[in-house]
Amino acid sequence: MEFFAKMRGAGKSPPRVRRTEILSSFLGSLAGMGLLGYLHATLADPADKVLLIGSFAASAVLLFAAPKSPLAQPRNLLGGHVLSALIGVSIRLALPEPVWLAAALAVATAIAVMHLTGTLHPPGGATAFIAVTGGPKIAALGYLYVLCPALSGAAILLVVALATNALTPGRRYPEYWW
């Protein structure tokens, strides 16, 4: 009963977000994801490569809407995606079947390695997952998946985040580099 009494008292709403923060988050994510999409459509896809993966959308939320989060810092962004991609590709090659087991192992290993290296970035788990479950185009990339899309896509988002956050009054990004 005490638990429920505490929960009723915990009904406070989070603080309101300033309009400039909302606009900055919108414009930054639009620019970052738009640039990734454009580069994918004009450069990567015609070359039968991939630059646009779902985990980058989650990175955009952190970079543009929660730039102070430790999970959004450059070390976490780059390290989380690269290490997770490396793990995902390695597991896909070592254990191609059953996919459900390979995917679970890739995500769990990626989380453990990100913890061990101080690069925890939740979208990295999705990067590892995509490396295992992605279609033929992702599979054909092999270890190139680590460089493109994982590293290059994360780097593009980082550059856009640096510019967007620098242009927003009251924002400082990154909080730390490495």
N, C-alpha and C. Protein backbone atom coordinates (compact mmCIF):
# COMPACT_ATOMS: atom_id res chain seq x y z
N MET A 1 0.81 -1.19 0.00
CA MET A 1 0.00 0.00 0.00
C MET A 1 0.86 1.26 0.00
N GLU A 2 1.96 1.17 0.69
CA GLU A 2 2.84 2.32 0.77
C GLU A 2 3.38 2.69 -0.62
N PHE A 3 3.66 1.68 -1.42
CA PHE A 3 4.15 1.90 -2.78
C PHE A 3 3.16 2.74 -3.58
N PHE A 4 1.87 2.40 -3.52
CA PHE A 4 0.85 3.12 -4.28
C PHE A 4 0.66 4.54 -3.76
N ALA A 5 0.81 4.71 -2.47
CA ALA A 5 0.71 6.06 -1.90
C ALA A 5 1.84 6.94 -2.43
N LYS A 6 3.02 6.37 -2.52
CA LYS A 6 4.16 7.12 -3.06
C LYS A 6 3.95 7.43 -4.54
N MET A 7 3.38 6.50 -5.27
CA MET A 7 3.15 6.71 -6.69
C MET A 7 2.16 7.84 -6.94
N ARG A 8 1.16 7.96 -6.11
CA ARG A 8 0.20 9.07 -6.25
C ARG A 8 0.91 10.40 -6.06
N GLY A 9 1.85 10.46 -5.14
CA GLY A 9 2.59 11.69 -4.89
C GLY A 9 3.63 11.97 -5.95
N ALA A 10 3.93 10.98 -6.75
CA ALA A 10 4.94 11.15 -7.79
C ALA A 10 4.32 11.64 -9.09
N GLY A 11 3.12 12.20 -9.02
CA GLY A 11 2.41 12.61 -10.22
C GLY A 11 2.86 13.94 -10.80
N LYS A 12 3.99 14.45 -10.37
CA LYS A 12 4.50 15.69 -10.92
C LYS A 12 4.89 15.51 -12.38
N SER A 13 4.65 16.51 -13.17
CA SER A 13 5.04 16.48 -14.57
C SER A 13 6.49 16.92 -14.70
N PRO A 14 7.16 16.48 -15.75
CA PRO A 14 8.52 16.99 -15.97
C PRO A 14 8.46 18.46 -16.34
N PRO A 15 9.57 19.18 -16.17
CA PRO A 15 9.57 20.61 -16.49
C PRO A 15 9.28 20.81 -17.99
N ARG A 16 8.65 21.92 -18.29
CA ARG A 16 8.35 22.25 -19.69
C ARG A 16 9.64 22.55 -20.44
N VAL A 17 9.64 22.22 -21.70
CA VAL A 17 10.79 22.47 -22.56
C VAL A 17 10.56 23.81 -23.26
N ARG A 18 11.60 24.64 -23.28
CA ARG A 18 11.50 25.95 -23.94
C ARG A 18 11.28 25.77 -25.44
N ARG A 19 10.61 26.74 -26.04
CA ARG A 19 10.33 26.68 -27.49
C ARG A 19 11.62 26.66 -28.31
N THR A 20 12.65 27.39 -27.85
CA THR A 20 13.92 27.37 -28.58
C THR A 20 14.54 25.96 -28.56
N GLU A 21 14.35 25.25 -27.44
CA GLU A 21 14.87 23.88 -27.35
C GLU A 21 14.12 22.96 -28.32
N ILE A 22 12.81 23.13 -28.37
CA ILE A 22 11.99 22.31 -29.28
C ILE A 22 12.38 22.60 -30.73
N LEU A 23 12.52 23.88 -31.06
CA LEU A 23 12.89 24.26 -32.42
C LEU A 23 14.28 23.73 -32.76
N SER A 24 15.21 23.86 -31.84
CA SER A 24 16.56 23.36 -32.07
C SER A 24 16.56 21.84 -32.26
N SER A 25 15.80 21.13 -31.44
CA SER A 25 15.70 19.67 -31.58
C SER A 25 15.11 19.30 -32.92
N PHE A 26 14.07 20.01 -33.32
CA PHE A 26 13.42 19.75 -34.61
C PHE A 26 14.38 20.01 -35.77
N LEU A 27 14.98 21.20 -35.78
CA LEU A 27 15.85 21.57 -36.89
C LEU A 27 17.11 20.70 -36.95
N GLY A 28 17.67 20.40 -35.79
CA GLY A 28 18.86 19.55 -35.76
C GLY A 28 18.58 18.16 -36.25
N SER A 29 17.50 17.57 -35.78
CA SER A 29 17.18 16.21 -36.22
C SER A 29 16.78 16.19 -37.69
N LEU A 30 16.07 17.23 -38.14
CA LEU A 30 15.72 17.33 -39.56
C LEU A 30 16.98 17.42 -40.42
N ALA A 31 17.91 18.26 -40.00
CA ALA A 31 19.16 18.42 -40.76
C ALA A 31 20.00 17.14 -40.73
N GLY A 32 20.16 16.57 -39.56
CA GLY A 32 21.00 15.38 -39.43
C GLY A 32 20.44 14.18 -40.18
N MET A 33 19.17 13.88 -39.93
CA MET A 33 18.55 12.73 -40.60
C MET A 33 18.35 13.01 -42.09
N GLY A 34 18.05 14.27 -42.42
CA GLY A 34 17.90 14.64 -43.83
C GLY A 34 19.20 14.47 -44.59
N LEU A 35 20.30 14.92 -43.99
CA LEU A 35 21.61 14.77 -44.64
C LEU A 35 21.97 13.29 -44.81
N LEU A 36 21.75 12.50 -43.77
CA LEU A 36 22.01 11.06 -43.88
C LEU A 36 21.16 10.44 -44.99
N GLY A 37 19.89 10.79 -45.03
CA GLY A 37 19.00 10.25 -46.05
C GLY A 37 19.42 10.67 -47.45
N TYR A 38 19.78 11.93 -47.60
CA TYR A 38 20.22 12.43 -48.90
C TYR A 38 21.50 11.72 -49.36
N LEU A 39 22.47 11.61 -48.47
CA LEU A 39 23.72 10.93 -48.82
C LEU A 39 23.48 9.45 -49.12
N HIS A 40 22.55 8.85 -48.40
CA HIS A 40 22.21 7.45 -48.68
C HIS A 40 21.63 7.33 -50.09
N ALA A 41 20.67 8.20 -50.40
CA ALA A 41 19.98 8.12 -51.69
C ALA A 41 20.89 8.46 -52.87
N THR A 42 21.80 9.42 -52.69
CA THR A 42 22.63 9.86 -53.82
C THR A 42 23.97 9.16 -53.93
N LEU A 43 24.54 8.73 -52.81
CA LEU A 43 25.87 8.11 -52.87
C LEU A 43 25.88 6.63 -52.52
N ALA A 44 25.31 6.30 -51.38
CA ALA A 44 25.43 4.93 -50.87
C ALA A 44 24.57 3.94 -51.65
N ASP A 45 23.29 4.23 -51.79
CA ASP A 45 22.39 3.28 -52.44
C ASP A 45 22.78 3.00 -53.89
N PRO A 46 23.13 4.01 -54.68
CA PRO A 46 23.56 3.71 -56.05
C PRO A 46 24.82 2.83 -56.10
N ALA A 47 25.64 2.89 -55.05
CA ALA A 47 26.85 2.06 -54.98
C ALA A 47 26.56 0.73 -54.28
N ASP A 48 25.27 0.44 -54.06
CA ASP A 48 24.83 -0.78 -53.39
C ASP A 48 25.34 -0.85 -51.95
N LYS A 49 25.44 0.30 -51.30
CA LYS A 49 25.85 0.39 -49.91
C LYS A 49 24.70 0.96 -49.08
N VAL A 50 24.90 1.01 -47.78
CA VAL A 50 23.87 1.51 -46.87
C VAL A 50 24.48 2.60 -45.99
N LEU A 51 23.75 3.69 -45.81
CA LEU A 51 24.20 4.73 -44.89
C LEU A 51 23.12 5.05 -43.87
N LEU A 52 21.90 4.69 -44.15
CA LEU A 52 20.76 5.04 -43.30
C LEU A 52 20.24 3.80 -42.60
N ILE A 53 20.43 3.75 -41.27
CA ILE A 53 19.91 2.64 -40.48
C ILE A 53 19.06 3.20 -39.34
N GLY A 54 18.13 2.38 -38.86
CA GLY A 54 17.17 2.83 -37.86
C GLY A 54 17.78 3.33 -36.57
N SER A 55 18.91 2.79 -36.17
CA SER A 55 19.49 3.21 -34.90
C SER A 55 19.92 4.67 -34.91
N PHE A 56 20.13 5.24 -36.09
CA PHE A 56 20.51 6.65 -36.14
C PHE A 56 19.35 7.56 -35.74
N ALA A 57 18.12 7.12 -35.94
CA ALA A 57 16.98 7.92 -35.49
C ALA A 57 17.00 8.06 -33.97
N ALA A 58 17.33 6.97 -33.29
CA ALA A 58 17.41 7.02 -31.82
C ALA A 58 18.59 7.89 -31.38
N SER A 59 19.70 7.83 -32.12
CA SER A 59 20.83 8.71 -31.81
C SER A 59 20.42 10.17 -31.96
N ALA A 60 19.62 10.46 -32.98
CA ALA A 60 19.18 11.84 -33.20
C ALA A 60 18.38 12.36 -32.01
N VAL A 61 17.57 11.51 -31.40
CA VAL A 61 16.81 11.94 -30.22
C VAL A 61 17.77 12.37 -29.12
N LEU A 62 18.79 11.57 -28.88
CA LEU A 62 19.76 11.91 -27.83
C LEU A 62 20.56 13.17 -28.18
N LEU A 63 21.08 13.24 -29.40
CA LEU A 63 21.94 14.35 -29.79
C LEU A 63 21.21 15.69 -29.84
N PHE A 64 19.98 15.66 -30.35
CA PHE A 64 19.29 16.92 -30.58
C PHE A 64 18.26 17.28 -29.52
N ALA A 65 17.79 16.30 -28.76
CA ALA A 65 16.79 16.60 -27.73
C ALA A 65 17.34 16.44 -26.31
N ALA A 66 18.44 15.71 -26.16
CA ALA A 66 19.03 15.51 -24.83
C ALA A 66 20.55 15.62 -24.91
N PRO A 67 21.06 16.75 -25.44
CA PRO A 67 22.50 16.85 -25.68
C PRO A 67 23.36 16.84 -24.43
N LYS A 68 22.79 17.08 -23.26
CA LYS A 68 23.55 17.05 -22.01
C LYS A 68 23.70 15.63 -21.46
N SER A 69 22.92 14.71 -21.99
CA SER A 69 22.97 13.33 -21.50
C SER A 69 24.34 12.72 -21.71
N PRO A 70 24.86 12.01 -20.72
CA PRO A 70 26.13 11.31 -20.92
C PRO A 70 26.07 10.33 -22.09
N LEU A 71 24.89 9.83 -22.38
CA LEU A 71 24.72 8.86 -23.47
C LEU A 71 24.80 9.52 -24.85
N ALA A 72 24.74 10.86 -24.90
CA ALA A 72 24.76 11.59 -26.16
C ALA A 72 26.12 12.17 -26.50
N GLN A 73 27.10 11.97 -25.66
CA GLN A 73 28.41 12.58 -25.87
C GLN A 73 29.17 11.88 -27.00
N PRO A 74 30.10 12.59 -27.65
CA PRO A 74 30.80 12.02 -28.81
C PRO A 74 31.43 10.65 -28.57
N ARG A 75 32.06 10.47 -27.42
CA ARG A 75 32.67 9.17 -27.10
C ARG A 75 31.62 8.06 -27.16
N ASN A 76 30.47 8.33 -26.57
CA ASN A 76 29.39 7.34 -26.53
C ASN A 76 28.78 7.12 -27.90
N LEU A 77 28.53 8.20 -28.62
CA LEU A 77 27.95 8.11 -29.96
C LEU A 77 28.83 7.28 -30.89
N LEU A 78 30.07 7.70 -31.03
CA LEU A 78 30.98 7.03 -31.97
C LEU A 78 31.38 5.64 -31.47
N GLY A 79 31.82 5.57 -30.22
CA GLY A 79 32.24 4.29 -29.67
C GLY A 79 31.11 3.28 -29.60
N GLY A 80 29.94 3.74 -29.19
CA GLY A 80 28.79 2.84 -29.08
C GLY A 80 28.41 2.23 -30.42
N HIS A 81 28.34 3.06 -31.46
CA HIS A 81 27.97 2.53 -32.78
C HIS A 81 29.06 1.64 -33.37
N VAL A 82 30.31 2.08 -33.28
CA VAL A 82 31.40 1.31 -33.90
C VAL A 82 31.60 -0.04 -33.21
N LEU A 83 31.68 -0.03 -31.89
CA LEU A 83 31.88 -1.29 -31.16
C LEU A 83 30.69 -2.24 -31.37
N SER A 84 29.49 -1.69 -31.34
CA SER A 84 28.31 -2.53 -31.52
C SER A 84 28.23 -3.10 -32.93
N ALA A 85 28.62 -2.31 -33.92
CA ALA A 85 28.65 -2.80 -35.30
C ALA A 85 29.67 -3.93 -35.44
N LEU A 86 30.83 -3.74 -34.86
CA LEU A 86 31.87 -4.77 -34.90
C LEU A 86 31.39 -6.07 -34.26
N ILE A 87 30.72 -5.94 -33.14
CA ILE A 87 30.19 -7.12 -32.43
C ILE A 87 29.08 -7.77 -33.26
N GLY A 88 28.17 -6.97 -33.78
CA GLY A 88 27.06 -7.52 -34.57
C GLY A 88 27.54 -8.27 -35.80
N VAL A 89 28.48 -7.70 -36.53
CA VAL A 89 29.00 -8.37 -37.73
C VAL A 89 29.73 -9.65 -37.35
N SER A 90 30.54 -9.58 -36.31
CA SER A 90 31.28 -10.77 -35.87
C SER A 90 30.34 -11.91 -35.48
N ILE A 91 29.29 -11.57 -34.76
CA ILE A 91 28.35 -12.62 -34.34
C ILE A 91 27.56 -13.15 -35.54
N ARG A 92 27.19 -12.26 -36.45
CA ARG A 92 26.47 -12.73 -37.65
C ARG A 92 27.33 -13.72 -38.43
N LEU A 93 28.61 -13.45 -38.54
CA LEU A 93 29.51 -14.35 -39.28
C LEU A 93 29.78 -15.64 -38.52
N ALA A 94 29.90 -15.55 -37.21
CA ALA A 94 30.22 -16.73 -36.40
C ALA A 94 29.00 -17.61 -36.13
N LEU A 95 27.83 -16.98 -36.03
CA LEU A 95 26.61 -17.71 -35.67
C LEU A 95 25.45 -17.22 -36.55
N PRO A 96 25.43 -17.64 -37.80
CA PRO A 96 24.38 -17.14 -38.70
C PRO A 96 22.97 -17.65 -38.36
N GLU A 97 22.87 -18.78 -37.71
CA GLU A 97 21.57 -19.36 -37.35
C GLU A 97 21.65 -19.92 -35.93
N PRO A 98 20.60 -19.91 -35.19
CA PRO A 98 19.34 -19.23 -35.45
C PRO A 98 19.48 -17.72 -35.25
N VAL A 99 18.78 -16.98 -36.08
CA VAL A 99 18.90 -15.52 -36.07
C VAL A 99 18.47 -14.94 -34.72
N TRP A 100 17.44 -15.50 -34.11
CA TRP A 100 16.97 -14.96 -32.83
C TRP A 100 18.05 -15.05 -31.77
N LEU A 101 18.82 -16.13 -31.78
CA LEU A 101 19.88 -16.28 -30.80
C LEU A 101 21.05 -15.35 -31.12
N ALA A 102 21.41 -15.26 -32.39
CA ALA A 102 22.50 -14.36 -32.80
C ALA A 102 22.16 -12.91 -32.46
N ALA A 103 20.91 -12.52 -32.69
CA ALA A 103 20.49 -11.14 -32.40
C ALA A 103 20.56 -10.86 -30.90
N ALA A 104 20.05 -11.79 -30.11
CA ALA A 104 20.08 -11.61 -28.65
C ALA A 104 21.52 -11.54 -28.15
N LEU A 105 22.36 -12.40 -28.66
CA LEU A 105 23.77 -12.42 -28.26
C LEU A 105 24.48 -11.14 -28.68
N ALA A 106 24.17 -10.64 -29.86
CA ALA A 106 24.80 -9.40 -30.34
C ALA A 106 24.42 -8.21 -29.47
N VAL A 107 23.15 -8.09 -29.15
CA VAL A 107 22.71 -6.96 -28.33
C VAL A 107 23.29 -7.06 -26.92
N ALA A 108 23.22 -8.23 -26.33
CA ALA A 108 23.74 -8.41 -24.96
C ALA A 108 25.24 -8.15 -24.90
N THR A 109 25.97 -8.65 -25.88
CA THR A 109 27.43 -8.45 -25.92
C THR A 109 27.75 -6.97 -26.14
N ALA A 110 27.00 -6.34 -27.03
CA ALA A 110 27.23 -4.91 -27.29
C ALA A 110 27.02 -4.09 -26.02
N ILE A 111 25.97 -4.41 -25.28
CA ILE A 111 25.72 -3.69 -24.03
C ILE A 111 26.87 -3.89 -23.05
N ALA A 112 27.32 -5.12 -22.89
CA ALA A 112 28.41 -5.41 -21.97
C ALA A 112 29.69 -4.68 -22.38
N VAL A 113 30.01 -4.71 -23.67
CA VAL A 113 31.24 -4.06 -24.15
C VAL A 113 31.14 -2.54 -24.02
N MET A 114 29.97 -1.98 -24.32
CA MET A 114 29.81 -0.54 -24.15
C MET A 114 29.97 -0.15 -22.67
N HIS A 115 29.44 -0.96 -21.77
CA HIS A 115 29.64 -0.70 -20.34
C HIS A 115 31.13 -0.75 -20.00
N LEU A 116 31.80 -1.80 -20.44
CA LEU A 116 33.22 -1.98 -20.12
C LEU A 116 34.10 -0.86 -20.66
N THR A 117 33.73 -0.30 -21.79
CA THR A 117 34.56 0.73 -22.44
C THR A 117 34.09 2.15 -22.15
N GLY A 118 33.03 2.29 -21.38
CA GLY A 118 32.52 3.63 -21.08
C GLY A 118 31.93 4.32 -22.30
N THR A 119 31.34 3.54 -23.21
CA THR A 119 30.77 4.11 -24.43
C THR A 119 29.29 3.79 -24.58
N LEU A 120 28.58 3.64 -23.47
CA LEU A 120 27.18 3.25 -23.53
C LEU A 120 26.36 4.26 -24.33
N HIS A 121 25.75 3.79 -25.38
CA HIS A 121 24.90 4.58 -26.27
C HIS A 121 23.76 3.65 -26.68
N PRO A 122 22.57 3.78 -26.08
CA PRO A 122 21.50 2.82 -26.33
C PRO A 122 21.24 2.48 -27.80
N PRO A 123 21.30 3.45 -28.73
CA PRO A 123 21.11 3.07 -30.13
C PRO A 123 22.17 2.08 -30.65
N GLY A 124 23.30 1.99 -29.96
CA GLY A 124 24.31 1.01 -30.35
C GLY A 124 23.77 -0.41 -30.29
N GLY A 125 22.89 -0.68 -29.35
CA GLY A 125 22.27 -2.01 -29.29
C GLY A 125 21.51 -2.30 -30.57
N ALA A 126 20.83 -1.29 -31.10
CA ALA A 126 20.11 -1.46 -32.37
C ALA A 126 21.08 -1.64 -33.53
N THR A 127 22.22 -0.98 -33.47
CA THR A 127 23.23 -1.14 -34.53
C THR A 127 23.72 -2.58 -34.57
N ALA A 128 23.96 -3.17 -33.41
CA ALA A 128 24.36 -4.59 -33.35
C ALA A 128 23.24 -5.48 -33.86
N PHE A 129 22.02 -5.18 -33.46
CA PHE A 129 20.84 -5.95 -33.87
C PHE A 129 20.66 -5.91 -35.39
N ILE A 130 20.81 -4.73 -35.98
CA ILE A 130 20.66 -4.57 -37.43
C ILE A 130 21.75 -5.33 -38.16
N ALA A 131 22.96 -5.36 -37.62
CA ALA A 131 24.05 -6.10 -38.25
C ALA A 131 23.71 -7.58 -38.39
N VAL A 132 22.95 -8.11 -37.43
CA VAL A 132 22.58 -9.52 -37.43
C VAL A 132 21.31 -9.78 -38.24
N THR A 133 20.32 -8.91 -38.09
CA THR A 133 19.01 -9.16 -38.69
C THR A 133 18.78 -8.44 -40.01
N GLY A 134 19.69 -7.55 -40.38
CA GLY A 134 19.52 -6.79 -41.62
C GLY A 134 19.45 -7.69 -42.83
N GLY A 135 18.90 -7.20 -43.88
CA GLY A 135 18.72 -7.96 -45.11
C GLY A 135 20.01 -8.24 -45.84
N PRO A 136 19.88 -8.70 -47.07
CA PRO A 136 21.04 -9.10 -47.87
C PRO A 136 22.06 -7.97 -48.08
N LYS A 137 21.56 -6.73 -48.20
CA LYS A 137 22.47 -5.60 -48.40
C LYS A 137 23.38 -5.40 -47.19
N ILE A 138 22.79 -5.51 -46.00
CA ILE A 138 23.58 -5.38 -44.76
C ILE A 138 24.55 -6.55 -44.65
N ALA A 139 24.08 -7.75 -44.91
CA ALA A 139 24.94 -8.94 -44.82
C ALA A 139 26.11 -8.85 -45.78
N ALA A 140 25.85 -8.34 -46.98
CA ALA A 140 26.90 -8.24 -48.00
C ALA A 140 28.00 -7.27 -47.59
N LEU A 141 27.70 -6.32 -46.73
CA LEU A 141 28.71 -5.36 -46.30
C LEU A 141 29.81 -6.01 -45.46
N GLY A 142 29.47 -7.06 -44.72
CA GLY A 142 30.45 -7.66 -43.81
C GLY A 142 31.00 -6.61 -42.86
N TYR A 143 32.31 -6.61 -42.68
CA TYR A 143 32.92 -5.65 -41.75
C TYR A 143 32.92 -4.21 -42.26
N LEU A 144 32.62 -4.01 -43.53
CA LEU A 144 32.47 -2.66 -44.04
C LEU A 144 31.32 -1.94 -43.32
N TYR A 145 30.37 -2.71 -42.78
CA TYR A 145 29.25 -2.15 -42.00
C TYR A 145 29.76 -1.31 -40.83
N VAL A 146 30.91 -1.65 -40.30
CA VAL A 146 31.48 -0.89 -39.18
C VAL A 146 31.85 0.52 -39.63
N LEU A 147 32.39 0.64 -40.84
CA LEU A 147 32.79 1.95 -41.36
C LEU A 147 31.63 2.72 -41.96
N CYS A 148 30.82 2.01 -42.73
CA CYS A 148 29.68 2.63 -43.39
C CYS A 148 28.53 1.65 -43.39
N PRO A 149 27.58 1.83 -42.55
CA PRO A 149 27.09 3.09 -42.04
C PRO A 149 27.52 3.47 -40.62
N ALA A 150 27.97 2.55 -39.78
CA ALA A 150 28.12 2.84 -38.35
C ALA A 150 28.99 4.06 -38.05
N LEU A 151 30.24 4.05 -38.45
CA LEU A 151 31.13 5.17 -38.13
C LEU A 151 30.77 6.42 -38.93
N SER A 152 30.63 6.29 -40.23
CA SER A 152 30.38 7.48 -41.05
C SER A 152 29.04 8.13 -40.73
N GLY A 153 28.00 7.34 -40.53
CA GLY A 153 26.70 7.91 -40.18
C GLY A 153 26.72 8.61 -38.84
N ALA A 154 27.36 7.99 -37.86
CA ALA A 154 27.47 8.61 -36.54
C ALA A 154 28.29 9.89 -36.61
N ALA A 155 29.34 9.89 -37.41
CA ALA A 155 30.18 11.08 -37.56
C ALA A 155 29.40 12.22 -38.21
N ILE A 156 28.58 11.91 -39.19
CA ILE A 156 27.76 12.94 -39.84
C ILE A 156 26.78 13.53 -38.83
N LEU A 157 26.13 12.68 -38.05
CA LEU A 157 25.22 13.18 -37.02
C LEU A 157 25.96 14.04 -36.00
N LEU A 158 27.17 13.64 -35.65
CA LEU A 158 27.97 14.41 -34.69
C LEU A 158 28.27 15.81 -35.22
N VAL A 159 28.67 15.92 -36.46
CA VAL A 159 28.98 17.23 -37.06
C VAL A 159 27.74 18.12 -37.05
N VAL A 160 26.60 17.56 -37.43
CA VAL A 160 25.36 18.34 -37.43
C VAL A 160 24.98 18.73 -36.00
N ALA A 161 25.18 17.83 -35.04
CA ALA A 161 24.87 18.14 -33.64
C ALA A 161 25.77 19.25 -33.12
N LEU A 162 27.03 19.23 -33.47
CA LEU A 162 27.94 20.30 -33.05
C LEU A 162 27.47 21.64 -33.58
N ALA A 163 27.10 21.69 -34.86
CA ALA A 163 26.65 22.94 -35.47
C ALA A 163 25.32 23.41 -34.88
N THR A 164 24.37 22.51 -34.82
CA THR A 164 23.03 22.87 -34.33
C THR A 164 23.07 23.35 -32.89
N ASN A 165 23.75 22.60 -32.05
CA ASN A 165 23.79 22.96 -30.64
C ASN A 165 24.59 24.24 -30.41
N ALA A 166 25.59 24.51 -31.24
CA ALA A 166 26.36 25.75 -31.12
C ALA A 166 25.51 26.96 -31.49
N LEU A 167 24.53 26.76 -32.36
CA LEU A 167 23.68 27.86 -32.80
C LEU A 167 22.48 28.11 -31.89
N THR A 168 22.29 27.25 -30.91
CA THR A 168 21.15 27.38 -29.99
C THR A 168 21.60 28.07 -28.72
N PRO A 169 21.00 29.24 -28.42
CA PRO A 169 21.38 29.96 -27.19
C PRO A 169 21.15 29.08 -25.94
N GLY A 170 22.13 29.10 -25.07
CA GLY A 170 22.00 28.36 -23.81
C GLY A 170 22.38 26.89 -23.89
N ARG A 171 22.71 26.42 -25.07
CA ARG A 171 23.11 25.02 -25.21
C ARG A 171 24.62 24.91 -25.32
N ARG A 172 25.13 23.85 -24.71
CA ARG A 172 26.56 23.55 -24.82
C ARG A 172 26.67 22.08 -25.18
N TYR A 173 27.31 21.80 -26.29
CA TYR A 173 27.54 20.42 -26.70
C TYR A 173 28.86 20.36 -27.42
N PRO A 174 29.68 19.42 -27.06
CA PRO A 174 29.47 18.36 -26.09
C PRO A 174 29.82 18.82 -24.67
N GLU A 175 29.38 18.03 -23.73
CA GLU A 175 29.75 18.26 -22.33
C GLU A 175 31.20 17.84 -22.12
N TYR A 176 31.62 16.83 -22.83
CA TYR A 176 33.00 16.37 -22.85
C TYR A 176 33.22 15.59 -24.14
N TRP A 177 34.46 15.48 -24.56
CA TRP A 177 34.76 14.81 -25.83
C TRP A 177 35.07 13.33 -25.61
N TRP A 178 36.01 13.07 -24.76
CA TRP A 178 36.45 11.67 -24.63
C TRP A 178 36.60 11.28 -23.24
